[in-house]
All heavy atoms as atom14 arrays in JSON, in Angstrom:
{
  "sequence": "DKWFCSNPDAGYAMVLARSEREPGLKGVSLFLLPRDLPDGRHNHYRIL",
  "atom14_mask": [
    [1, 1, 1, 1, 1, 1, 1, 1, 0, 0, 0, 0, 0, 0],
    [1, 1, 1, 1, 1, 1, 1, 1, 1, 0, 0, 0, 0, 0],
    [1, 1, 1, 1, 1, 1, 1, 1, 1, 1, 1, 1, 1, 1],
    [1, 1, 1, 1, 1, 1, 1, 1, 1, 1, 1, 0, 0, 0],
    [1, 1, 1, 1, 1, 1, 0, 0, 0, 0, 0, 0, 0, 0],
    [1, 1, 1, 1, 1, 1, 0, 0, 0, 0, 0, 0, 0, 0],
    [1, 1, 1, 1, 1, 1, 1, 1, 0, 0, 0, 0, 0, 0],
    [1, 1, 1, 1, 1, 1, 1, 0, 0, 0, 0, 0, 0, 0],
    [1, 1, 1, 1, 1, 1, 1, 1, 0, 0, 0, 0, 0, 0],
    [1, 1, 1, 1, 1, 0, 0, 0, 0, 0, 0, 0, 0, 0],
    [1, 1, 1, 1, 0, 0, 0, 0, 0, 0, 0, 0, 0, 0],
    [1, 1, 1, 1, 1, 1, 1, 1, 1, 1, 1, 1, 0, 0],
    [1, 1, 1, 1, 1, 0, 0, 0, 0, 0, 0, 0, 0, 0],
    [1, 1, 1, 1, 1, 1, 1, 1, 0, 0, 0, 0, 0, 0],
    [1, 1, 1, 1, 1, 1, 1, 0, 0, 0, 0, 0, 0, 0],
    [1, 1, 1, 1, 1, 1, 1, 1, 0, 0, 0, 0, 0, 0],
    [1, 1, 1, 1, 1, 0, 0, 0, 0, 0, 0, 0, 0, 0],
    [1, 1, 1, 1, 1, 1, 1, 1, 1, 1, 1, 0, 0, 0],
    [1, 1, 1, 1, 1, 1, 0, 0, 0, 0, 0, 0, 0, 0],
    [1, 1, 1, 1, 1, 1, 1, 1, 1, 0, 0, 0, 0, 0],
    [1, 1, 1, 1, 1, 1, 1, 1, 1, 1, 1, 0, 0, 0],
    [1, 1, 1, 1, 1, 1, 1, 1, 1, 0, 0, 0, 0, 0],
    [1, 1, 1, 1, 1, 1, 1, 0, 0, 0, 0, 0, 0, 0],
    [1, 1, 1, 1, 0, 0, 0, 0, 0, 0, 0, 0, 0, 0],
    [1, 1, 1, 1, 1, 1, 1, 1, 0, 0, 0, 0, 0, 0],
    [1, 1, 1, 1, 1, 1, 1, 1, 1, 0, 0, 0, 0, 0],
    [1, 1, 1, 1, 0, 0, 0, 0, 0, 0, 0, 0, 0, 0],
    [1, 1, 1, 1, 1, 1, 1, 0, 0, 0, 0, 0, 0, 0],
    [1, 1, 1, 1, 1, 1, 0, 0, 0, 0, 0, 0, 0, 0],
    [1, 1, 1, 1, 1, 1, 1, 1, 0, 0, 0, 0, 0, 0],
    [1, 1, 1, 1, 1, 1, 1, 1, 1, 1, 1, 0, 0, 0],
    [1, 1, 1, 1, 1, 1, 1, 1, 0, 0, 0, 0, 0, 0],
    [1, 1, 1, 1, 1, 1, 1, 1, 0, 0, 0, 0, 0, 0],
    [1, 1, 1, 1, 1, 1, 1, 0, 0, 0, 0, 0, 0, 0],
    [1, 1, 1, 1, 1, 1, 1, 1, 1, 1, 1, 0, 0, 0],
    [1, 1, 1, 1, 1, 1, 1, 1, 0, 0, 0, 0, 0, 0],
    [1, 1, 1, 1, 1, 1, 1, 1, 0, 0, 0, 0, 0, 0],
    [1, 1, 1, 1, 1, 1, 1, 0, 0, 0, 0, 0, 0, 0],
    [1, 1, 1, 1, 1, 1, 1, 1, 0, 0, 0, 0, 0, 0],
    [1, 1, 1, 1, 0, 0, 0, 0, 0, 0, 0, 0, 0, 0],
    [1, 1, 1, 1, 1, 1, 1, 1, 1, 1, 1, 0, 0, 0],
    [1, 1, 1, 1, 1, 1, 1, 1, 1, 1, 0, 0, 0, 0],
    [1, 1, 1, 1, 1, 1, 1, 1, 0, 0, 0, 0, 0, 0],
    [1, 1, 1, 1, 1, 1, 1, 1, 1, 1, 0, 0, 0, 0],
    [1, 1, 1, 1, 1, 1, 1, 1, 1, 1, 1, 1, 0, 0],
    [1, 1, 1, 1, 1, 1, 1, 1, 1, 1, 1, 0, 0, 0],
    [1, 1, 1, 1, 1, 1, 1, 1, 0, 0, 0, 0, 0, 0],
    [1, 1, 1, 1, 1, 1, 1, 1, 0, 0, 0, 0, 0, 0]
  ],
  "atom14_positions": [
    [[-16.17, -12.03, 12.85], [-16.16, -13.37, 12.72], [-16.07, -13.79, 11.23], [-16.9, -13.17, 10.5], [-17.3, -13.92, 13.45], [-17.32, -13.98, 14.92], [-16.22, -13.38, 15.44], [-18.12, -14.64, 15.57], [0.0, 0.0, 0.0], [0.0, 0.0, 0.0], [0.0, 0.0, 0.0], [0.0, 0.0, 0.0], [0.0, 0.0, 0.0], [0.0, 0.0, 0.0]],
    [[-15.38, -14.8, 11.06], [-15.44, -15.57, 9.7], [-15.96, -16.93, 9.9], [-15.47, -17.64, 10.7], [-14.02, -15.5, 9.01], [-13.54, -14.11, 8.67], [-14.36, -13.47, 7.61], [-13.87, -12.09, 7.05], [-14.71, -11.5, 6.04], [0.0, 0.0, 0.0], [0.0, 0.0, 0.0], [0.0, 0.0, 0.0], [0.0, 0.0, 0.0], [0.0, 0.0, 0.0]],
    [[-17.0, -17.31, 9.13], [-17.77, -18.51, 9.48], [-17.26, -19.85, 8.85], [-17.32, -20.77, 9.53], [-19.21, -18.25, 8.96], [-20.08, -19.31, 9.17], [-20.8, -20.0, 8.13], [-20.59, -19.89, 10.47], [-21.67, -20.9, 8.72], [-21.55, -20.92, 10.15], [-20.35, -19.58, 11.76], [-22.24, -21.67, 11.14], [-20.87, -20.23, 12.69], [-21.86, -21.23, 12.44]],
    [[-16.55, -19.79, 7.76], [-16.0, -21.02, 7.07], [-14.62, -20.7, 6.43], [-14.67, -20.13, 5.42], [-17.01, -21.45, 5.92], [-17.06, -22.99, 5.8], [-18.25, -23.6, 6.06], [-16.0, -23.61, 5.46], [-18.38, -24.99, 5.99], [-15.97, -24.91, 5.31], [-17.16, -25.76, 5.51], [0.0, 0.0, 0.0], [0.0, 0.0, 0.0], [0.0, 0.0, 0.0]],
    [[-13.66, -21.19, 7.33], [-12.2, -20.85, 6.87], [-11.53, -22.24, 6.82], [-11.21, -22.81, 7.87], [-11.67, -20.06, 7.98], [-12.53, -18.5, 8.33], [0.0, 0.0, 0.0], [0.0, 0.0, 0.0], [0.0, 0.0, 0.0], [0.0, 0.0, 0.0], [0.0, 0.0, 0.0], [0.0, 0.0, 0.0], [0.0, 0.0, 0.0], [0.0, 0.0, 0.0]],
    [[-11.31, -22.69, 5.54], [-10.52, -23.88, 5.43], [-8.95, -23.56, 5.6], [-8.43, -22.42, 5.39], [-10.7, -24.46, 3.97], [-12.12, -24.99, 3.99], [0.0, 0.0, 0.0], [0.0, 0.0, 0.0], [0.0, 0.0, 0.0], [0.0, 0.0, 0.0], [0.0, 0.0, 0.0], [0.0, 0.0, 0.0], [0.0, 0.0, 0.0], [0.0, 0.0, 0.0]],
    [[-8.31, -24.57, 6.07], [-6.87, -24.39, 6.39], [-6.68, -23.27, 7.43], [-5.99, -22.28, 7.15], [-6.03, -24.11, 5.09], [-4.6, -24.62, 5.19], [-4.29, -25.54, 6.03], [-3.71, -24.06, 4.46], [0.0, 0.0, 0.0], [0.0, 0.0, 0.0], [0.0, 0.0, 0.0], [0.0, 0.0, 0.0], [0.0, 0.0, 0.0], [0.0, 0.0, 0.0]],
    [[-7.32, -23.38, 8.53], [-7.51, -22.12, 9.35], [-6.21, -21.77, 10.19], [-6.05, -20.73, 10.72], [-8.49, -22.54, 10.37], [-8.6, -24.03, 10.42], [-8.21, -24.42, 9.09], [0.0, 0.0, 0.0], [0.0, 0.0, 0.0], [0.0, 0.0, 0.0], [0.0, 0.0, 0.0], [0.0, 0.0, 0.0], [0.0, 0.0, 0.0], [0.0, 0.0, 0.0]],
    [[-5.37, -22.67, 10.14], [-3.96, -22.44, 10.78], [-2.9, -22.09, 9.85], [-1.69, -22.18, 10.12], [-3.54, -23.58, 11.75], [-3.26, -24.87, 10.83], [-3.82, -25.06, 9.84], [-2.51, -25.68, 11.49], [0.0, 0.0, 0.0], [0.0, 0.0, 0.0], [0.0, 0.0, 0.0], [0.0, 0.0, 0.0], [0.0, 0.0, 0.0], [0.0, 0.0, 0.0]],
    [[-3.27, -21.67, 8.61], [-2.33, -21.35, 7.59], [-1.33, -20.17, 7.99], [-1.74, -19.33, 8.87], [-3.05, -20.9, 6.26], [0.0, 0.0, 0.0], [0.0, 0.0, 0.0], [0.0, 0.0, 0.0], [0.0, 0.0, 0.0], [0.0, 0.0, 0.0], [0.0, 0.0, 0.0], [0.0, 0.0, 0.0], [0.0, 0.0, 0.0], [0.0, 0.0, 0.0]],
    [[-0.22, -20.18, 7.51], [0.73, -19.11, 7.79], [0.26, -17.71, 7.51], [0.42, -16.66, 8.13], [0.0, 0.0, 0.0], [0.0, 0.0, 0.0], [0.0, 0.0, 0.0], [0.0, 0.0, 0.0], [0.0, 0.0, 0.0], [0.0, 0.0, 0.0], [0.0, 0.0, 0.0], [0.0, 0.0, 0.0], [0.0, 0.0, 0.0], [0.0, 0.0, 0.0]],
    [[-0.48, -17.71, 6.26], [-1.0, -16.41, 5.76], [-2.44, -16.6, 5.29], [-2.7, -17.75, 4.7], [-0.3, -15.72, 4.73], [1.11, -15.3, 5.2], [2.31, -16.11, 4.88], [1.34, -14.15, 5.85], [3.49, -15.59, 5.38], [2.6, -13.67, 6.31], [3.66, -14.42, 5.97], [4.84, -14.05, 6.47], [0.0, 0.0, 0.0], [0.0, 0.0, 0.0]],
    [[-3.35, -15.67, 5.39], [-4.69, -15.8, 4.8], [-5.07, -14.43, 4.32], [-4.78, -13.41, 4.83], [-5.75, -16.24, 5.92], [0.0, 0.0, 0.0], [0.0, 0.0, 0.0], [0.0, 0.0, 0.0], [0.0, 0.0, 0.0], [0.0, 0.0, 0.0], [0.0, 0.0, 0.0], [0.0, 0.0, 0.0], [0.0, 0.0, 0.0], [0.0, 0.0, 0.0]],
    [[-5.69, -14.53, 3.07], [-6.32, -13.34, 2.59], [-7.75, -13.1, 3.14], [-8.47, -14.09, 3.2], [-6.51, -13.46, 0.96], [-5.18, -13.3, 0.16], [-4.44, -11.68, 0.22], [-3.12, -11.86, -0.88], [0.0, 0.0, 0.0], [0.0, 0.0, 0.0], [0.0, 0.0, 0.0], [0.0, 0.0, 0.0], [0.0, 0.0, 0.0], [0.0, 0.0, 0.0]],
    [[-7.99, -11.82, 3.63], [-9.21, -11.65, 4.37], [-10.07, -10.45, 3.82], [-9.2, -9.41, 3.45], [-9.0, -11.45, 5.89], [-10.26, -11.19, 6.61], [-8.16, -12.51, 6.53], [0.0, 0.0, 0.0], [0.0, 0.0, 0.0], [0.0, 0.0, 0.0], [0.0, 0.0, 0.0], [0.0, 0.0, 0.0], [0.0, 0.0, 0.0], [0.0, 0.0, 0.0]],
    [[-11.15, -10.55, 3.69], [-12.0, -9.28, 3.18], [-12.61, -8.62, 4.51], [-13.11, -9.42, 5.42], [-13.1, -9.68, 2.27], [-12.83, -10.08, 0.84], [-14.07, -10.54, 0.14], [-12.15, -8.83, 0.2], [0.0, 0.0, 0.0], [0.0, 0.0, 0.0], [0.0, 0.0, 0.0], [0.0, 0.0, 0.0], [0.0, 0.0, 0.0], [0.0, 0.0, 0.0]],
    [[-12.43, -7.42, 4.56], [-12.95, -6.65, 5.8], [-13.46, -5.26, 5.34], [-12.98, -4.73, 4.38], [-11.95, -6.5, 6.86], [0.0, 0.0, 0.0], [0.0, 0.0, 0.0], [0.0, 0.0, 0.0], [0.0, 0.0, 0.0], [0.0, 0.0, 0.0], [0.0, 0.0, 0.0], [0.0, 0.0, 0.0], [0.0, 0.0, 0.0], [0.0, 0.0, 0.0]],
    [[-14.36, -4.66, 6.04], [-14.99, -3.34, 5.69], [-14.0, -2.29, 6.22], [-14.03, -2.1, 7.54], [-16.43, -3.2, 6.21], [-17.09, -1.97, 5.82], [-18.56, -2.11, 6.07], [-19.21, -3.36, 5.16], [-19.46, -3.28, 3.95], [-19.16, -2.18, 3.24], [-19.87, -4.23, 3.24], [0.0, 0.0, 0.0], [0.0, 0.0, 0.0], [0.0, 0.0, 0.0]],
    [[-13.4, -1.51, 5.45], [-12.42, -0.5, 5.96], [-13.06, 0.92, 5.71], [-12.43, 1.91, 6.15], [-11.18, -0.54, 5.08], [-11.48, -0.35, 3.72], [0.0, 0.0, 0.0], [0.0, 0.0, 0.0], [0.0, 0.0, 0.0], [0.0, 0.0, 0.0], [0.0, 0.0, 0.0], [0.0, 0.0, 0.0], [0.0, 0.0, 0.0], [0.0, 0.0, 0.0]],
    [[-14.16, 0.93, 4.92], [-14.78, 2.27, 4.58], [-16.1, 2.35, 5.05], [-16.83, 1.36, 5.33], [-14.64, 2.61, 3.04], [-13.36, 2.17, 2.32], [-12.26, 2.88, 2.88], [-12.28, 4.14, 3.04], [-11.18, 2.16, 3.2], [0.0, 0.0, 0.0], [0.0, 0.0, 0.0], [0.0, 0.0, 0.0], [0.0, 0.0, 0.0], [0.0, 0.0, 0.0]],
    [[-16.72, 3.61, 5.2], [-18.07, 3.69, 5.66], [-19.06, 3.48, 4.62], [-20.3, 3.39, 4.86], [-18.25, 5.15, 6.25], [-17.49, 5.35, 7.63], [-17.76, 6.83, 8.21], [-17.05, 6.89, 9.41], [-17.11, 7.97, 10.17], [-17.83, 9.1, 9.73], [-16.37, 8.12, 11.28], [0.0, 0.0, 0.0], [0.0, 0.0, 0.0], [0.0, 0.0, 0.0]],
    [[-18.58, 3.42, 3.36], [-19.54, 3.34, 2.09], [-20.19, 1.8, 2.32], [-19.53, 0.95, 2.66], [-18.8, 3.32, 1.01], [-18.27, 4.74, 0.73], [-17.41, 4.73, -0.62], [-18.04, 4.79, -1.7], [-16.19, 4.83, -0.68], [0.0, 0.0, 0.0], [0.0, 0.0, 0.0], [0.0, 0.0, 0.0], [0.0, 0.0, 0.0], [0.0, 0.0, 0.0]],
    [[-21.43, 1.64, 2.09], [-22.11, 0.44, 2.05], [-21.66, -0.33, 0.89], [-21.23, 0.01, -0.26], [-23.56, 0.74, 2.07], [-23.69, 2.05, 1.2], [-22.29, 2.76, 1.58], [0.0, 0.0, 0.0], [0.0, 0.0, 0.0], [0.0, 0.0, 0.0], [0.0, 0.0, 0.0], [0.0, 0.0, 0.0], [0.0, 0.0, 0.0], [0.0, 0.0, 0.0]],
    [[-22.02, -1.7, 0.98], [-21.85, -2.59, -0.2], [-20.47, -2.86, -0.43], [-19.59, -2.79, 0.39], [0.0, 0.0, 0.0], [0.0, 0.0, 0.0], [0.0, 0.0, 0.0], [0.0, 0.0, 0.0], [0.0, 0.0, 0.0], [0.0, 0.0, 0.0], [0.0, 0.0, 0.0], [0.0, 0.0, 0.0], [0.0, 0.0, 0.0], [0.0, 0.0, 0.0]],
    [[-20.22, -3.25, -1.73], [-18.75, -3.69, -2.04], [-17.73, -2.68, -2.04], [-16.62, -2.74, -1.77], [-18.79, -4.38, -3.5], [-19.46, -5.74, -3.64], [-19.39, -6.04, -5.08], [-18.84, -6.73, -2.77], [0.0, 0.0, 0.0], [0.0, 0.0, 0.0], [0.0, 0.0, 0.0], [0.0, 0.0, 0.0], [0.0, 0.0, 0.0], [0.0, 0.0, 0.0]],
    [[-18.26, -1.37, -2.21], [-17.17, -0.26, -2.23], [-16.47, -0.05, -1.07], [-15.5, 0.55, -0.85], [-18.05, 1.06, -2.6], [-18.46, 1.02, -4.02], [-19.28, 2.39, -4.31], [-19.73, 2.4, -5.82], [-20.45, 3.64, -6.1], [0.0, 0.0, 0.0], [0.0, 0.0, 0.0], [0.0, 0.0, 0.0], [0.0, 0.0, 0.0], [0.0, 0.0, 0.0]],
    [[-17.08, -0.55, 0.22], [-16.43, -0.36, 1.55], [-15.48, -1.46, 1.86], [-14.89, -1.36, 2.89], [0.0, 0.0, 0.0], [0.0, 0.0, 0.0], [0.0, 0.0, 0.0], [0.0, 0.0, 0.0], [0.0, 0.0, 0.0], [0.0, 0.0, 0.0], [0.0, 0.0, 0.0], [0.0, 0.0, 0.0], [0.0, 0.0, 0.0], [0.0, 0.0, 0.0]],
    [[-15.4, -2.49, 1.03], [-14.62, -3.66, 1.37], [-13.31, -3.76, 0.79], [-13.08, -3.43, -0.31], [-15.37, -5.04, 0.98], [-14.64, -6.27, 1.31], [-16.71, -5.03, 1.65], [0.0, 0.0, 0.0], [0.0, 0.0, 0.0], [0.0, 0.0, 0.0], [0.0, 0.0, 0.0], [0.0, 0.0, 0.0], [0.0, 0.0, 0.0], [0.0, 0.0, 0.0]],
    [[-12.26, -3.92, 1.68], [-10.78, -4.01, 1.31], [-10.29, -5.41, 1.53], [-10.94, -6.32, 2.22], [-10.04, -3.0, 1.94], [-10.45, -1.65, 1.73], [0.0, 0.0, 0.0], [0.0, 0.0, 0.0], [0.0, 0.0, 0.0], [0.0, 0.0, 0.0], [0.0, 0.0, 0.0], [0.0, 0.0, 0.0], [0.0, 0.0, 0.0], [0.0, 0.0, 0.0]],
    [[-9.12, -5.65, 0.86], [-8.44, -6.93, 0.93], [-7.23, -6.84, 1.87], [-6.4, -5.88, 1.71], [-8.1, -7.51, -0.41], [-7.34, -8.85, -0.46], [-8.27, -9.88, -0.01], [-6.86, -9.03, -1.97], [0.0, 0.0, 0.0], [0.0, 0.0, 0.0], [0.0, 0.0, 0.0], [0.0, 0.0, 0.0], [0.0, 0.0, 0.0], [0.0, 0.0, 0.0]],
    [[-7.02, -7.81, 2.79], [-5.96, -7.73, 3.69], [-5.25, -9.1, 3.71], [-5.91, -10.16, 3.52], [-6.52, -7.36, 5.13], [-7.05, -6.08, 5.19], [-8.4, -5.88, 5.0], [-6.32, -4.94, 5.65], [-8.98, -4.55, 5.15], [-6.79, -3.63, 5.72], [-8.29, -3.57, 5.44], [0.0, 0.0, 0.0], [0.0, 0.0, 0.0], [0.0, 0.0, 0.0]],
    [[-3.95, -9.06, 4.11], [-3.26, -10.32, 4.29], [-2.96, -10.41, 5.83], [-2.3, -9.58, 6.34], [-1.78, -10.21, 3.54], [-0.96, -11.52, 3.69], [-1.6, -12.63, 2.92], [0.47, -11.23, 3.15], [0.0, 0.0, 0.0], [0.0, 0.0, 0.0], [0.0, 0.0, 0.0], [0.0, 0.0, 0.0], [0.0, 0.0, 0.0], [0.0, 0.0, 0.0]],
    [[-3.47, -11.53, 6.31], [-3.44, -11.77, 7.7], [-2.39, -12.77, 8.06], [-2.51, -13.94, 7.62], [-4.75, -12.26, 8.14], [-4.99, -12.72, 9.65], [-5.01, -11.59, 10.65], [-6.22, -13.73, 9.79], [0.0, 0.0, 0.0], [0.0, 0.0, 0.0], [0.0, 0.0, 0.0], [0.0, 0.0, 0.0], [0.0, 0.0, 0.0], [0.0, 0.0, 0.0]],
    [[-1.31, -12.31, 8.83], [-0.31, -13.41, 9.22], [-0.79, -14.2, 10.46], [-1.47, -13.59, 11.35], [0.94, -12.65, 9.49], [0.29, -11.26, 10.07], [-0.95, -11.08, 9.36], [0.0, 0.0, 0.0], [0.0, 0.0, 0.0], [0.0, 0.0, 0.0], [0.0, 0.0, 0.0], [0.0, 0.0, 0.0], [0.0, 0.0, 0.0], [0.0, 0.0, 0.0]],
    [[-0.35, -15.4, 10.51], [-0.75, -16.25, 11.7], [0.05, -15.82, 12.96], [-0.42, -15.82, 13.96], [-0.45, -17.73, 11.39], [-0.76, -18.63, 12.45], [-0.38, -20.08, 12.31], [1.06, -20.23, 12.07], [1.64, -21.25, 11.41], [0.74, -22.19, 10.84], [2.91, -21.32, 11.22], [0.0, 0.0, 0.0], [0.0, 0.0, 0.0], [0.0, 0.0, 0.0]],
    [[1.33, -15.45, 12.77], [2.12, -15.16, 13.93], [2.72, -13.59, 13.65], [2.8, -13.12, 12.54], [3.33, -15.98, 13.99], [3.01, -17.32, 14.02], [2.02, -17.69, 14.84], [3.57, -18.29, 13.34], [0.0, 0.0, 0.0], [0.0, 0.0, 0.0], [0.0, 0.0, 0.0], [0.0, 0.0, 0.0], [0.0, 0.0, 0.0], [0.0, 0.0, 0.0]],
    [[2.8, -13.03, 14.81], [3.36, -11.65, 14.86], [4.89, -11.59, 14.8], [5.53, -12.72, 14.98], [2.95, -11.0, 16.15], [1.38, -10.83, 16.34], [0.94, -10.36, 17.69], [0.9, -9.96, 15.32], [0.0, 0.0, 0.0], [0.0, 0.0, 0.0], [0.0, 0.0, 0.0], [0.0, 0.0, 0.0], [0.0, 0.0, 0.0], [0.0, 0.0, 0.0]],
    [[5.58, -10.54, 14.49], [7.03, -10.52, 14.39], [7.76, -11.04, 15.61], [8.77, -11.56, 15.53], [7.27, -8.93, 14.22], [6.01, -8.48, 13.44], [4.94, -9.2, 14.11], [0.0, 0.0, 0.0], [0.0, 0.0, 0.0], [0.0, 0.0, 0.0], [0.0, 0.0, 0.0], [0.0, 0.0, 0.0], [0.0, 0.0, 0.0], [0.0, 0.0, 0.0]],
    [[7.25, -10.91, 16.84], [7.82, -11.34, 17.98], [7.61, -12.85, 18.28], [7.98, -13.31, 19.26], [7.42, -10.39, 19.33], [5.89, -10.6, 19.5], [5.2, -11.4, 18.9], [5.41, -9.81, 20.36], [0.0, 0.0, 0.0], [0.0, 0.0, 0.0], [0.0, 0.0, 0.0], [0.0, 0.0, 0.0], [0.0, 0.0, 0.0], [0.0, 0.0, 0.0]],
    [[6.96, -13.5, 17.42], [6.72, -14.94, 17.54], [5.43, -15.3, 18.2], [4.92, -16.49, 18.15], [0.0, 0.0, 0.0], [0.0, 0.0, 0.0], [0.0, 0.0, 0.0], [0.0, 0.0, 0.0], [0.0, 0.0, 0.0], [0.0, 0.0, 0.0], [0.0, 0.0, 0.0], [0.0, 0.0, 0.0], [0.0, 0.0, 0.0], [0.0, 0.0, 0.0]],
    [[4.63, -14.28, 18.65], [3.43, -14.52, 19.31], [2.26, -14.8, 18.27], [2.34, -14.28, 17.17], [2.91, -13.52, 20.24], [3.72, -13.31, 21.5], [3.23, -12.08, 22.35], [3.35, -10.89, 21.53], [2.39, -9.95, 21.55], [1.16, -10.11, 22.25], [2.46, -8.8, 20.83], [0.0, 0.0, 0.0], [0.0, 0.0, 0.0], [0.0, 0.0, 0.0]],
    [[1.39, -15.6, 18.69], [0.19, -15.86, 17.79], [-0.48, -14.46, 17.55], [-0.77, -13.72, 18.57], [-0.76, -16.85, 18.32], [-1.99, -17.18, 17.37], [-1.74, -17.83, 16.2], [-3.27, -17.12, 17.61], [-2.9, -17.97, 15.5], [-3.8, -17.5, 16.43], [0.0, 0.0, 0.0], [0.0, 0.0, 0.0], [0.0, 0.0, 0.0], [0.0, 0.0, 0.0]],
    [[-0.94, -14.24, 16.38], [-1.75, -13.02, 16.08], [-3.06, -13.01, 16.84], [-3.52, -14.07, 17.32], [-2.09, -12.88, 14.53], [-2.24, -11.55, 14.15], [-2.51, -10.62, 14.89], [-2.38, -11.33, 12.81], [0.0, 0.0, 0.0], [0.0, 0.0, 0.0], [0.0, 0.0, 0.0], [0.0, 0.0, 0.0], [0.0, 0.0, 0.0], [0.0, 0.0, 0.0]],
    [[-3.71, -11.89, 16.86], [-4.82, -11.72, 17.71], [-6.28, -12.18, 17.01], [-7.14, -11.5, 16.73], [-5.01, -10.28, 18.11], [-3.81, -9.72, 18.78], [-3.34, -10.14, 20.0], [-3.0, -8.64, 18.54], [-2.21, -9.54, 20.3], [-2.04, -8.64, 19.47], [0.0, 0.0, 0.0], [0.0, 0.0, 0.0], [0.0, 0.0, 0.0], [0.0, 0.0, 0.0]],
    [[-6.24, -13.57, 16.85], [-7.47, -14.24, 16.43], [-7.39, -15.63, 16.9], [-6.47, -16.22, 17.25], [-7.61, -14.21, 14.88], [-6.62, -15.0, 14.14], [-6.89, -16.32, 13.82], [-5.42, -14.38, 13.59], [-5.92, -17.03, 13.12], [-4.61, -15.09, 12.75], [-4.89, -16.46, 12.57], [-3.99, -17.22, 11.74], [0.0, 0.0, 0.0], [0.0, 0.0, 0.0]],
    [[-8.65, -16.22, 17.1], [-8.9, -17.66, 17.52], [-9.64, -18.41, 16.51], [-10.45, -17.83, 15.9], [-9.62, -17.57, 18.99], [-8.65, -16.82, 20.06], [-9.58, -16.92, 21.38], [-10.86, -16.12, 21.34], [-11.92, -16.34, 22.02], [-12.09, -17.47, 22.56], [-12.92, -15.5, 21.87], [0.0, 0.0, 0.0], [0.0, 0.0, 0.0], [0.0, 0.0, 0.0]],
    [[-9.29, -19.69, 16.71], [-10.02, -20.66, 15.78], [-11.02, -21.26, 16.99], [-10.73, -21.87, 17.92], [-9.15, -21.92, 15.49], [-7.97, -21.33, 14.43], [-10.08, -22.93, 14.56], [-7.1, -22.44, 14.12], [0.0, 0.0, 0.0], [0.0, 0.0, 0.0], [0.0, 0.0, 0.0], [0.0, 0.0, 0.0], [0.0, 0.0, 0.0], [0.0, 0.0, 0.0]],
    [[-12.38, -20.86, 16.77], [-13.48, -21.25, 17.65], [-13.66, -22.72, 17.85], [-13.85, -23.38, 18.81], [-14.63, -20.4, 17.58], [-14.47, -18.94, 17.63], [-15.79, -18.18, 17.26], [-13.83, -18.45, 19.06], [0.0, 0.0, 0.0], [0.0, 0.0, 0.0], [0.0, 0.0, 0.0], [0.0, 0.0, 0.0], [0.0, 0.0, 0.0], [0.0, 0.0, 0.0]]
  ]
}
């Protein structure tokens, strides 16, 4: 869950997520999240 996301229906979003088992900042990576998948379907996330 991401708690405060401005422009939540943007075409792309930069997202921080924990990709490593290391604690703290060392385990966090940066990702680019597309709103839509290549087949045109909405990506697997919801605006609550």
